[in-house]
Amino acid sequence: MFRIPSLLLVIWLVIGAIAAGQRHYYTGGHGSCAKDADIIVTILAGPLNYAGVNPKVHNCHVPQPSK
């Protein structure tokens, strides 16, 4: 019963990961918060990347631990 939706989700995410790779998001050194967020939103966008969607994160604020 859950097999088809799970398979579709995996395919969706794999397509997004391929799109991130084609944009060379995985190359280079240690990424910034914004670059890491770009990778995540590109993967989540999946096949929409090939329909003209180009998700970007311009500002990224990471909470600092309390002292």
C-alpha atoms as a PDB file:
ATOM      1  CA  MET A   1       0.000   0.000   0.000  1.00  0.00           C
ATOM      2  CA  PHE A   2       2.814   2.436   0.862  1.00  0.00           C
ATOM      3  CA  ARG A   3       5.161   0.986  -1.711  1.00  0.00           C
ATOM      4  CA  ILE A   4       4.251   3.196  -4.688  1.00  0.00           C
ATOM      5  CA  PRO A   5       4.269   6.549  -2.816  1.00  0.00           C
ATOM      6  CA  SER A   6       7.588   5.630  -1.188  1.00  0.00           C
ATOM      7  CA  LEU A   7       9.080   4.698  -4.548  1.00  0.00           C
ATOM      8  CA  LEU A   8       7.842   7.954  -6.092  1.00  0.00           C
ATOM      9  CA  LEU A   9       9.388   9.933  -3.223  1.00  0.00           C
ATOM     10  CA  VAL A  10      12.740   8.212  -3.684  1.00  0.00           C
ATOM     11  CA  ILE A  11      12.648   8.845  -7.453  1.00  0.00           C
ATOM     12  CA  TRP A  12      11.715  12.513  -6.821  1.00  0.00           C
ATOM     13  CA  LEU A  13      14.684  12.987  -4.462  1.00  0.00           C
ATOM     14  CA  VAL A  14      17.114  11.155  -6.765  1.00  0.00           C
ATOM     15  CA  ILE A  15      16.128  13.444  -9.641  1.00  0.00           C
ATOM     16  CA  GLY A  16      16.735  16.448  -7.375  1.00  0.00           C
ATOM     17  CA  ALA A  17      20.139  15.071  -6.366  1.00  0.00           C
ATOM     18  CA  ILE A  18      21.043  14.642 -10.031  1.00  0.00           C
ATOM     19  CA  ALA A  19      20.000  18.250 -10.732  1.00  0.00           C
ATOM     20  CA  ALA A  20      22.195  19.470  -7.862  1.00  0.00           C
ATOM     21  CA  GLY A  21      25.098  17.504  -9.292  1.00  0.00           C
ATOM     22  CA  GLN A  22      24.562  19.006 -12.743  1.00  0.00           C
ATOM     23  CA  ARG A  23      24.750  22.453 -11.143  1.00  0.00           C
ATOM     24  CA  HIS A  24      28.090  21.453  -9.573  1.00  0.00           C
ATOM     25  CA  TYR A  25      26.838  22.012  -6.036  1.00  0.00           C
ATOM     26  CA  TYR A  26      28.815  19.025  -4.755  1.00  0.00           C
ATOM     27  CA  THR A  27      32.203  20.259  -5.987  1.00  0.00           C
ATOM     28  CA  GLY A  28      34.481  22.565  -4.107  1.00  0.00           C
ATOM     29  CA  GLY A  29      35.557  22.721  -0.505  1.00  0.00           C
ATOM     30  CA  HIS A  30      33.526  23.144   2.623  1.00  0.00           C
ATOM     31  CA  GLY A  31      30.332  24.967   1.734  1.00  0.00           C
ATOM     32  CA  SER A  32      28.683  27.857   3.430  1.00  0.00           C
ATOM     33  CA  CYS A  33      25.298  27.661   5.073  1.00  0.00           C
ATOM     34  CA  ALA A  34      23.664  29.175   1.983  1.00  0.00           C
ATOM     35  CA  LYS A  35      25.399  26.704  -0.362  1.00  0.00           C
ATOM     36  CA  ASP A  36      24.339  23.766   1.806  1.00  0.00           C
ATOM     37  CA  ALA A  37      20.782  25.118   1.876  1.00  0.00           C
ATOM     38  CA  ASP A  38      20.845  25.471  -1.935  1.00  0.00           C
ATOM     39  CA  ILE A  39      21.736  21.789  -2.204  1.00  0.00           C
ATOM     40  CA  ILE A  40      18.879  20.806   0.093  1.00  0.00           C
ATOM     41  CA  VAL A  41      16.200  22.891  -1.631  1.00  0.00           C
ATOM     42  CA  THR A  42      17.393  21.743  -5.064  1.00  0.00           C
ATOM     43  CA  ILE A  43      17.069  18.112  -4.004  1.00  0.00           C
ATOM     44  CA  LEU A  44      13.622  18.765  -2.504  1.00  0.00           C
ATOM     45  CA  ALA A  45      12.479  20.503  -5.703  1.00  0.00           C
ATOM     46  CA  GLY A  46      13.200  17.285  -7.595  1.00  0.00           C
ATOM     47  CA  PRO A  47      11.951  17.266 -11.192  1.00  0.00           C
ATOM     48  CA  LEU A  48      10.740  20.865 -10.867  1.00  0.00           C
ATOM     49  CA  ASN A  49      14.375  21.845 -11.477  1.00  0.00           C
ATOM     50  CA  TYR A  50      13.886  20.757 -15.099  1.00  0.00           C
ATOM     51  CA  ALA A  51      10.697  22.811 -15.390  1.00  0.00           C
ATOM     52  CA  GLY A  52      12.546  26.076 -14.772  1.00  0.00           C
ATOM     53  CA  VAL A  53      12.565  26.189 -10.982  1.00  0.00           C
ATOM     54  CA  ASN A  54      15.935  27.309  -9.631  1.00  0.00           C
ATOM     55  CA  PRO A  55      15.624  27.430  -5.847  1.00  0.00           C
ATOM     56  CA  LYS A  56      18.208  29.560  -4.068  1.00  0.00           C
ATOM     57  CA  VAL A  57      18.786  30.510  -0.457  1.00  0.00           C
ATOM     58  CA  HIS A  58      20.398  33.933  -0.203  1.00  0.00           C
ATOM     59  CA  ASN A  59      20.518  34.395   3.542  1.00  0.00           C
ATOM     60  CA  CYS A  60      21.158  31.671   6.033  1.00  0.00           C
ATOM     61  CA  HIS A  61      21.310  32.199   9.758  1.00  0.00           C
ATOM     62  CA  VAL A  62      22.483  29.367  11.943  1.00  0.00           C
ATOM     63  CA  PRO A  63      21.539  29.642  15.595  1.00  0.00           C
ATOM     64  CA  GLN A  64      24.529  29.885  17.913  1.00  0.00           C
ATOM     65  CA  PRO A  65      24.735  27.677  20.970  1.00  0.00           C
ATOM     66  CA  SER A  66      24.144  29.316  24.313  1.00  0.00           C
ATOM     67  CA  LYS A  67      27.151  29.838  26.571  1.00  0.00           C
END
